[in-house]
Amino acid sequence: MSKTTHLPGGIDHMKAGVGELVFDVTQDQDGGFVAECIGEDVVTEADTWQELRANVMEAVSAFFHDGSPPERIRLHLVRDEVITVT
């Protein structure tokens, strides 16, 4: 039986070997991206979104080298913006 963790925004993360891994992706001030997996110890970074996708696939493949990889990987772009109200 799979264990599901409910995340904000209706996103569910299913434990390894089941459906989906979710990565929170943030954009650095220099324009690059950092992806951190929720629930597993997988982190990667890249200069572009296309490079990030490839790096996430490579990192997940390495993490699950001796097991079953997830069926899907979700990249959840997190944007934090502060607006000053005058």
PDB file of N, CA and C in Angstrom:
ATOM      1  N   MET A   1       0.839  -1.176   0.000  1.00  0.00           N
ATOM      2  CA  MET A   1       0.000   0.000   0.000  1.00  0.00           C
ATOM      3  C   MET A   1       0.886   1.241   0.000  1.00  0.00           C
ATOM      4  N   SER A   2       0.542   2.238  -0.811  1.00  0.00           N
ATOM      5  CA  SER A   2       1.345   3.454  -0.896  1.00  0.00           C
ATOM      6  C   SER A   2       0.950   4.439   0.186  1.00  0.00           C
ATOM      7  N   LYS A   3       1.902   5.253   0.567  1.00  0.00           N
ATOM      8  CA  LYS A   3       1.652   6.315   1.537  1.00  0.00           C
ATOM      9  C   LYS A   3       1.711   7.635   0.781  1.00  0.00           C
ATOM     10  N   THR A   4       0.678   8.439   0.943  1.00  0.00           N
ATOM     11  CA  THR A   4       0.599   9.709   0.238  1.00  0.00           C
ATOM     12  C   THR A   4       0.687  10.855   1.225  1.00  0.00           C
ATOM     13  N   THR A   5       1.517  11.844   0.901  1.00  0.00           N
ATOM     14  CA  THR A   5       1.619  13.061   1.685  1.00  0.00           C
ATOM     15  C   THR A   5       0.906  14.160   0.922  1.00  0.00           C
ATOM     16  N   HIS A   6      -0.018  14.850   1.566  1.00  0.00           N
ATOM     17  CA  HIS A   6      -0.763  15.918   0.908  1.00  0.00           C
ATOM     18  C   HIS A   6      -0.005  17.229   1.048  1.00  0.00           C
ATOM     19  N   LEU A   7       0.183  17.917  -0.054  1.00  0.00           N
ATOM     20  CA  LEU A   7       0.924  19.168  -0.093  1.00  0.00           C
ATOM     21  C   LEU A   7      -0.019  20.316  -0.398  1.00  0.00           C
ATOM     22  N   PRO A   8       0.415  21.554  -0.116  1.00  0.00           N
ATOM     23  CA  PRO A   8      -0.411  22.715  -0.442  1.00  0.00           C
ATOM     24  C   PRO A   8      -0.727  22.754  -1.936  1.00  0.00           C
ATOM     25  N   GLY A   9      -1.859  23.274  -2.264  1.00  0.00           N
ATOM     26  CA  GLY A   9      -2.234  23.412  -3.666  1.00  0.00           C
ATOM     27  C   GLY A   9      -2.783  22.148  -4.270  1.00  0.00           C
ATOM     28  N   GLY A  10      -3.102  21.152  -3.444  1.00  0.00           N
ATOM     29  CA  GLY A  10      -3.695  19.923  -3.951  1.00  0.00           C
ATOM     30  C   GLY A  10      -2.708  18.962  -4.586  1.00  0.00           C
ATOM     31  N   ILE A  11      -1.408  19.194  -4.411  1.00  0.00           N
ATOM     32  CA  ILE A  11      -0.408  18.296  -4.973  1.00  0.00           C
ATOM     33  C   ILE A  11      -0.158  17.182  -3.974  1.00  0.00           C
ATOM     34  N   ASP A  12      -0.172  15.954  -4.428  1.00  0.00           N
ATOM     35  CA  ASP A  12       0.115  14.807  -3.575  1.00  0.00           C
ATOM     36  C   ASP A  12       1.462  14.226  -3.960  1.00  0.00           C
ATOM     37  N   HIS A  13       2.244  13.843  -2.946  1.00  0.00           N
ATOM     38  CA  HIS A  13       3.531  13.197  -3.183  1.00  0.00           C
ATOM     39  C   HIS A  13       3.400  11.749  -2.760  1.00  0.00           C
ATOM     40  N   MET A  14       3.688  10.828  -3.660  1.00  0.00           N
ATOM     41  CA  MET A  14       3.607   9.415  -3.347  1.00  0.00           C
ATOM     42  C   MET A  14       5.013   8.883  -3.136  1.00  0.00           C
ATOM     43  N   LYS A  15       5.193   8.073  -2.138  1.00  0.00           N
ATOM     44  CA  LYS A  15       6.510   7.550  -1.777  1.00  0.00           C
ATOM     45  C   LYS A  15       7.137   6.778  -2.938  1.00  0.00           C
ATOM     46  N   ALA A  16       8.467   6.619  -2.872  1.00  0.00           N
ATOM     47  CA  ALA A  16       9.262   5.984  -3.916  1.00  0.00           C
ATOM     48  C   ALA A  16       8.688   4.641  -4.332  1.00  0.00           C
ATOM     49  N   GLY A  17       8.850   4.329  -5.616  1.00  0.00           N
ATOM     50  CA  GLY A  17       8.384   3.063  -6.127  1.00  0.00           C
ATOM     51  C   GLY A  17       6.918   3.118  -6.525  1.00  0.00           C
ATOM     52  N   VAL A  18       6.296   4.243  -6.328  1.00  0.00           N
ATOM     53  CA  VAL A  18       4.894   4.413  -6.683  1.00  0.00           C
ATOM     54  C   VAL A  18       4.830   5.524  -7.726  1.00  0.00           C
ATOM     55  N   GLY A  19       3.714   6.176  -7.870  1.00  0.00           N
ATOM     56  CA  GLY A  19       3.428   7.103  -8.953  1.00  0.00           C
ATOM     57  C   GLY A  19       4.313   8.278  -9.209  1.00  0.00           C
ATOM     58  N   GLU A  20       4.502   9.167  -8.260  1.00  0.00           N
ATOM     59  CA  GLU A  20       5.050  10.475  -8.602  1.00  0.00           C
ATOM     60  C   GLU A  20       6.018  11.009  -7.549  1.00  0.00           C
ATOM     61  N   LEU A  21       7.095  11.629  -8.039  1.00  0.00           N
ATOM     62  CA  LEU A  21       7.989  12.410  -7.185  1.00  0.00           C
ATOM     63  C   LEU A  21       7.744  13.873  -7.498  1.00  0.00           C
ATOM     64  N   VAL A  22       7.714  14.697  -6.466  1.00  0.00           N
ATOM     65  CA  VAL A  22       7.496  16.129  -6.646  1.00  0.00           C
ATOM     66  C   VAL A  22       8.765  16.876  -6.254  1.00  0.00           C
ATOM     67  N   PHE A  23       9.200  17.768  -7.124  1.00  0.00           N
ATOM     68  CA  PHE A  23      10.336  18.641  -6.853  1.00  0.00           C
ATOM     69  C   PHE A  23       9.845  20.069  -6.737  1.00  0.00           C
ATOM     70  N   ASP A  24      10.195  20.741  -5.644  1.00  0.00           N
ATOM     71  CA  ASP A  24       9.990  22.179  -5.539  1.00  0.00           C
ATOM     72  C   ASP A  24      11.155  22.843  -6.266  1.00  0.00           C
ATOM     73  N   VAL A  25      10.848  23.693  -7.221  1.00  0.00           N
ATOM     74  CA  VAL A  25      11.871  24.367  -8.016  1.00  0.00           C
ATOM     75  C   VAL A  25      11.842  25.849  -7.701  1.00  0.00           C
ATOM     76  N   THR A  26      13.006  26.389  -7.356  1.00  0.00           N
ATOM     77  CA  THR A  26      13.135  27.825  -7.127  1.00  0.00           C
ATOM     78  C   THR A  26      14.142  28.387  -8.121  1.00  0.00           C
ATOM     79  N   GLN A  27      13.966  29.658  -8.447  1.00  0.00           N
ATOM     80  CA  GLN A  27      14.884  30.319  -9.365  1.00  0.00           C
ATOM     81  C   GLN A  27      15.801  31.228  -8.572  1.00  0.00           C
ATOM     82  N   ASP A  28      17.107  31.055  -8.778  1.00  0.00           N
ATOM     83  CA  ASP A  28      18.101  31.893  -8.108  1.00  0.00           C
ATOM     84  C   ASP A  28      18.078  33.298  -8.697  1.00  0.00           C
ATOM     85  N   GLN A  29      18.672  34.236  -7.966  1.00  0.00           N
ATOM     86  CA  GLN A  29      18.754  35.612  -8.457  1.00  0.00           C
ATOM     87  C   GLN A  29      19.566  35.702  -9.744  1.00  0.00           C
ATOM     88  N   ASP A  30      20.521  34.772  -9.927  1.00  0.00           N
ATOM     89  CA  ASP A  30      21.333  34.784 -11.148  1.00  0.00           C
ATOM     90  C   ASP A  30      20.612  34.159 -12.341  1.00  0.00           C
ATOM     91  N   GLY A  31      19.392  33.658 -12.125  1.00  0.00           N
ATOM     92  CA  GLY A  31      18.600  33.104 -13.217  1.00  0.00           C
ATOM     93  C   GLY A  31      18.584  31.593 -13.270  1.00  0.00           C
ATOM     94  N   GLY A  32      19.495  30.922 -12.556  1.00  0.00           N
ATOM     95  CA  GLY A  32      19.518  29.465 -12.549  1.00  0.00           C
ATOM     96  C   GLY A  32      18.391  28.894 -11.705  1.00  0.00           C
ATOM     97  N   PHE A  33      18.245  27.574 -11.744  1.00  0.00           N
ATOM     98  CA  PHE A  33      17.179  26.889 -11.027  1.00  0.00           C
ATOM     99  C   PHE A  33      17.755  25.853 -10.071  1.00  0.00           C
ATOM    100  N   VAL A  34      17.057  25.650  -8.934  1.00  0.00           N
ATOM    101  CA  VAL A  34      17.394  24.606  -7.976  1.00  0.00           C
ATOM    102  C   VAL A  34      16.135  23.769  -7.763  1.00  0.00           C
ATOM    103  N   ALA A  35      16.262  22.444  -7.880  1.00  0.00           N
ATOM    104  CA  ALA A  35      15.137  21.532  -7.687  1.00  0.00           C
ATOM    105  C   ALA A  35      15.424  20.635  -6.493  1.00  0.00           C
ATOM    106  N   GLU A  36      14.498  20.648  -5.507  1.00  0.00           N
ATOM    107  CA  GLU A  36      14.622  19.820  -4.311  1.00  0.00           C
ATOM    108  C   GLU A  36      13.421  18.896  -4.232  1.00  0.00           C
ATOM    109  N   CYS A  37      13.693  17.595  -4.168  1.00  0.00           N
ATOM    110  CA  CYS A  37      12.630  16.607  -4.097  1.00  0.00           C
ATOM    111  C   CYS A  37      11.983  16.641  -2.716  1.00  0.00           C
ATOM    112  N   ILE A  38      10.672  16.571  -2.701  1.00  0.00           N
ATOM    113  CA  ILE A  38       9.924  16.509  -1.442  1.00  0.00           C
ATOM    114  C   ILE A  38       9.801  15.038  -1.062  1.00  0.00           C
ATOM    115  N   GLY A  39      10.344  14.685   0.087  1.00  0.00           N
ATOM    116  CA  GLY A  39      10.195  13.318   0.579  1.00  0.00           C
ATOM    117  C   GLY A  39      11.361  12.396   0.297  1.00  0.00           C
ATOM    118  N   GLU A  40      12.257  12.788  -0.577  1.00  0.00           N
ATOM    119  CA  GLU A  40      13.454  11.998  -0.874  1.00  0.00           C
ATOM    120  C   GLU A  40      14.649  12.940  -0.863  1.00  0.00           C
ATOM    121  N   ASP A  41      15.829  12.390  -0.698  1.00  0.00           N
ATOM    122  CA  ASP A  41      17.047  13.191  -0.597  1.00  0.00           C
ATOM    123  C   ASP A  41      17.676  13.374  -1.978  1.00  0.00           C
ATOM    124  N   VAL A  42      16.986  14.124  -2.843  1.00  0.00           N
ATOM    125  CA  VAL A  42      17.457  14.368  -4.206  1.00  0.00           C
ATOM    126  C   VAL A  42      17.392  15.874  -4.468  1.00  0.00           C
ATOM    127  N   VAL A  43      18.542  16.472  -4.815  1.00  0.00           N
ATOM    128  CA  VAL A  43      18.623  17.902  -5.117  1.00  0.00           C
ATOM    129  C   VAL A  43      19.517  18.066  -6.337  1.00  0.00           C
ATOM    130  N   THR A  44      19.139  18.970  -7.230  1.00  0.00           N
ATOM    131  CA  THR A  44      19.982  19.264  -8.387  1.00  0.00           C
ATOM    132  C   THR A  44      19.751  20.716  -8.802  1.00  0.00           C
ATOM    133  N   GLU A  45      20.599  21.210  -9.691  1.00  0.00           N
ATOM    134  CA  GLU A  45      20.484  22.592 -10.156  1.00  0.00           C
ATOM    135  C   GLU A  45      20.921  22.692 -11.606  1.00  0.00           C
ATOM    136  N   ALA A  46      20.568  23.810 -12.236  1.00  0.00           N
ATOM    137  CA  ALA A  46      20.944  24.028 -13.637  1.00  0.00           C
ATOM    138  C   ALA A  46      20.771  25.502 -13.977  1.00  0.00           C
ATOM    139  N   ASP A  47      21.361  25.896 -15.099  1.00  0.00           N
ATOM    140  CA  ASP A  47      21.266  27.282 -15.562  1.00  0.00           C
ATOM    141  C   ASP A  47      19.970  27.555 -16.308  1.00  0.00           C
ATOM    142  N   THR A  48      19.423  26.547 -16.997  1.00  0.00           N
ATOM    143  CA  THR A  48      18.193  26.727 -17.772  1.00  0.00           C
ATOM    144  C   THR A  48      17.171  25.668 -17.379  1.00  0.00           C
ATOM    145  N   TRP A  49      15.907  25.916 -17.763  1.00  0.00           N
ATOM    146  CA  TRP A  49      14.837  24.961 -17.461  1.00  0.00           C
ATOM    147  C   TRP A  49      15.089  23.626 -18.172  1.00  0.00           C
ATOM    148  N   GLN A  50      15.535  23.664 -19.413  1.00  0.00           N
ATOM    149  CA  GLN A  50      15.808  22.425 -20.156  1.00  0.00           C
ATOM    150  C   GLN A  50      16.925  21.618 -19.480  1.00  0.00           C
ATOM    151  N   GLU A  51      17.983  22.299 -19.051  1.00  0.00           N
ATOM    152  CA  GLU A  51      19.067  21.618 -18.341  1.00  0.00           C
ATOM    153  C   GLU A  51      18.563  21.045 -17.020  1.00  0.00           C
ATOM    154  N   LEU A  52      17.688  21.783 -16.350  1.00  0.00           N
ATOM    155  CA  LEU A  52      17.141  21.307 -15.081  1.00  0.00           C
ATOM    156  C   LEU A  52      16.349  20.022 -15.294  1.00  0.00           C
ATOM    157  N   ARG A  53      15.533  19.979 -16.311  1.00  0.00           N
ATOM    158  CA  ARG A  53      14.757  18.762 -16.605  1.00  0.00           C
ATOM    159  C   ARG A  53      15.687  17.569 -16.800  1.00  0.00           C
ATOM    160  N   ALA A  54      16.739  17.763 -17.569  1.00  0.00           N
ATOM    161  CA  ALA A  54      17.696  16.676 -17.811  1.00  0.00           C
ATOM    162  C   ALA A  54      18.412  16.284 -16.518  1.00  0.00           C
ATOM    163  N   ASN A  55      18.806  17.277 -15.711  1.00  0.00           N
ATOM    164  CA  ASN A  55      19.506  16.994 -14.456  1.00  0.00           C
ATOM    165  C   ASN A  55      18.608  16.276 -13.458  1.00  0.00           C
ATOM    166  N   VAL A  56      17.334  16.644 -13.416  1.00  0.00           N
ATOM    167  CA  VAL A  56      16.385  15.958 -12.529  1.00  0.00           C
ATOM    168  C   VAL A  56      16.245  14.496 -12.954  1.00  0.00           C
ATOM    169  N   MET A  57      16.089  14.257 -14.245  1.00  0.00           N
ATOM    170  CA  MET A  57      15.980  12.877 -14.743  1.00  0.00           C
ATOM    171  C   MET A  57      17.223  12.064 -14.381  1.00  0.00           C
ATOM    172  N   GLU A  58      18.405  12.661 -14.550  1.00  0.00           N
ATOM    173  CA  GLU A  58      19.661  11.981 -14.225  1.00  0.00           C
ATOM    174  C   GLU A  58      19.763  11.706 -12.720  1.00  0.00           C
ATOM    175  N   ALA A  59      19.392  12.687 -11.905  1.00  0.00           N
ATOM    176  CA  ALA A  59      19.463  12.527 -10.444  1.00  0.00           C
ATOM    177  C   ALA A  59      18.490  11.450  -9.960  1.00  0.00           C
ATOM    178  N   VAL A  60      17.293  11.437 -10.506  1.00  0.00           N
ATOM    179  CA  VAL A  60      16.299  10.427 -10.116  1.00  0.00           C
ATOM    180  C   VAL A  60      16.763   9.049 -10.563  1.00  0.00           C
ATOM    181  N   SER A  61      17.301   8.951 -11.751  1.00  0.00           N
ATOM    182  CA  SER A  61      17.825   7.670 -12.242  1.00  0.00           C
ATOM    183  C   SER A  61      18.930   7.144 -11.332  1.00  0.00           C
ATOM    184  N   ALA A  62      19.830   8.025 -10.905  1.00  0.00           N
ATOM    185  CA  ALA A  62      20.909   7.621 -10.005  1.00  0.00           C
ATOM    186  C   ALA A  62      20.363   7.227  -8.637  1.00  0.00           C
ATOM    187  N   PHE A  63      19.385   7.960  -8.134  1.00  0.00           N
ATOM    188  CA  PHE A  63      18.811   7.687  -6.820  1.00  0.00           C
ATOM    189  C   PHE A  63      18.130   6.318  -6.789  1.00  0.00           C
ATOM    190  N   PHE A  64      17.460   5.957  -7.878  1.00  0.00           N
ATOM    191  CA  PHE A  64      16.728   4.689  -7.955  1.00  0.00           C
ATOM    192  C   PHE A  64      17.498   3.633  -8.745  1.00  0.00           C
ATOM    193  N   HIS A  65      18.834   3.716  -8.781  1.00  0.00           N
ATOM    194  CA  HIS A  65      19.630   2.801  -9.599  1.00  0.00           C
ATOM    195  C   HIS A  65      19.393   1.337  -9.278  1.00  0.00           C
ATOM    196  N   ASP A  66      19.012   1.016  -8.052  1.00  0.00           N
ATOM    197  CA  ASP A  66      18.778  -0.383  -7.692  1.00  0.00           C
ATOM    198  C   ASP A  66      17.319  -0.670  -7.369  1.00  0.00           C
ATOM    199  N   GLY A  67      16.430   0.219  -7.787  1.00  0.00           N
ATOM    200  CA  GLY A  67      15.007   0.033  -7.504  1.00  0.00           C
ATOM    201  C   GLY A  67      14.153   0.551  -8.631  1.00  0.00           C
ATOM    202  N   SER A  68      12.865   0.563  -8.403  1.00  0.00           N
ATOM    203  CA  SER A  68      11.923   1.028  -9.417  1.00  0.00           C
ATOM    204  C   SER A  68      11.762   2.541  -9.342  1.00  0.00           C
ATOM    205  N   PRO A  69      11.983   3.225 -10.447  1.00  0.00           N
ATOM    206  CA  PRO A  69      11.800   4.684 -10.463  1.00  0.00           C
ATOM    207  C   PRO A  69      10.309   5.022 -10.447  1.00  0.00           C
ATOM    208  N   PRO A  70       9.972   6.262 -10.149  1.00  0.00           N
ATOM    209  CA  PRO A  70       8.567   6.675 -10.162  1.00  0.00           C
ATOM    210  C   PRO A  70       8.034   6.694 -11.592  1.00  0.00           C
ATOM    211  N   GLU A  71       6.719   6.656 -11.709  1.00  0.00           N
ATOM    212  CA  GLU A  71       6.093   6.744 -13.032  1.00  0.00           C
ATOM    213  C   GLU A  71       6.176   8.159 -13.592  1.00  0.00           C
ATOM    214  N   ARG A  72       6.117   9.148 -12.695  1.00  0.00           N
ATOM    215  CA  ARG A  72       6.107  10.557 -13.104  1.00  0.00           C
ATOM    216  C   ARG A  72       6.985  11.374 -12.176  1.00  0.00           C
ATOM    217  N   ILE A  73       7.458  12.501 -12.722  1.00  0.00           N
ATOM    218  CA  ILE A  73       8.187  13.492 -11.938  1.00  0.00           C
ATOM    219  C   ILE A  73       7.482  14.827 -12.164  1.00  0.00           C
ATOM    220  N   ARG A  74       7.135  15.485 -11.070  1.00  0.00           N
ATOM    221  CA  ARG A  74       6.477  16.795 -11.171  1.00  0.00           C
ATOM    222  C   ARG A  74       7.470  17.872 -10.743  1.00  0.00           C
ATOM    223  N   LEU A  75       7.662  18.882 -11.601  1.00  0.00           N
ATOM    224  CA  LEU A  75       8.485  20.040 -11.265  1.00  0.00           C
ATOM    225  C   LEU A  75       7.534  21.168 -10.888  1.00  0.00           C
ATOM    226  N   HIS A  76       7.533  21.525  -9.617  1.00  0.00           N
ATOM    227  CA  HIS A  76       6.614  22.540  -9.092  1.00  0.00           C
ATOM    228  C   HIS A  76       7.403  23.828  -8.884  1.00  0.00           C
ATOM    229  N   LEU A  77       7.232  24.783  -9.798  1.00  0.00           N
ATOM    230  CA  LEU A  77       7.953  26.054  -9.732  1.00  0.00           C
ATOM    231  C   LEU A  77       7.373  26.917  -8.620  1.00  0.00           C
ATOM    232  N   VAL A  78       8.227  27.272  -7.671  1.00  0.00           N
ATOM    233  CA  VAL A  78       7.828  28.093  -6.527  1.00  0.00           C
ATOM    234  C   VAL A  78       8.360  29.494  -6.741  1.00  0.00           C
ATOM    235  N   ARG A  79       7.466  30.447  -6.725  1.00  0.00           N
ATOM    236  CA  ARG A  79       7.877  31.837  -6.921  1.00  0.00           C
ATOM    237  C   ARG A  79       7.492  32.625  -5.683  1.00  0.00           C
ATOM    238  N   ASP A  80       8.460  33.262  -5.093  1.00  0.00           N
ATOM    239  CA  ASP A  80       8.250  34.059  -3.892  1.00  0.00           C
ATOM    240  C   ASP A  80       8.522  35.504  -4.232  1.00  0.00           C
ATOM    241  N   GLU A  81       7.496  36.336  -4.171  1.00  0.00           N
ATOM    242  CA  GLU A  81       7.636  37.739  -4.516  1.00  0.00           C
ATOM    243  C   GLU A  81       7.089  38.596  -3.382  1.00  0.00           C
ATOM    244  N   VAL A  82       7.857  39.601  -3.009  1.00  0.00           N
ATOM    245  CA  VAL A  82       7.446  40.528  -1.971  1.00  0.00           C
ATOM    246  C   VAL A  82       7.109  41.852  -2.626  1.00  0.00           C
ATOM    247  N   ILE A  83       5.908  42.331  -2.351  1.00  0.00           N
ATOM    248  CA  ILE A  83       5.461  43.600  -2.912  1.00  0.00           C
ATOM    249  C   ILE A  83       5.300  44.583  -1.756  1.00  0.00           C
ATOM    250  N   THR A  84       5.962  45.733  -1.865  1.00  0.00           N
ATOM    251  CA  THR A  84       5.852  46.759  -0.845  1.00  0.00           C
ATOM    252  C   THR A  84       4.606  47.592  -1.101  1.00  0.00           C
ATOM    253  N   VAL A  85       3.810  47.728  -0.063  1.00  0.00           N
ATOM    254  CA  VAL A  85       2.588  48.515  -0.161  1.00  0.00           C
ATOM    255  C   VAL A  85       2.846  49.860   0.493  1.00  0.00           C
ATOM    256  N   THR A  86       2.581  50.947  -0.238  1.00  0.00           N
ATOM    257  CA  THR A  86       2.844  52.281   0.316  1.00  0.00           C
ATOM    258  C   THR A  86       1.575  53.006   0.659  1.00  0.00           C
TER     259      THR A  86
END
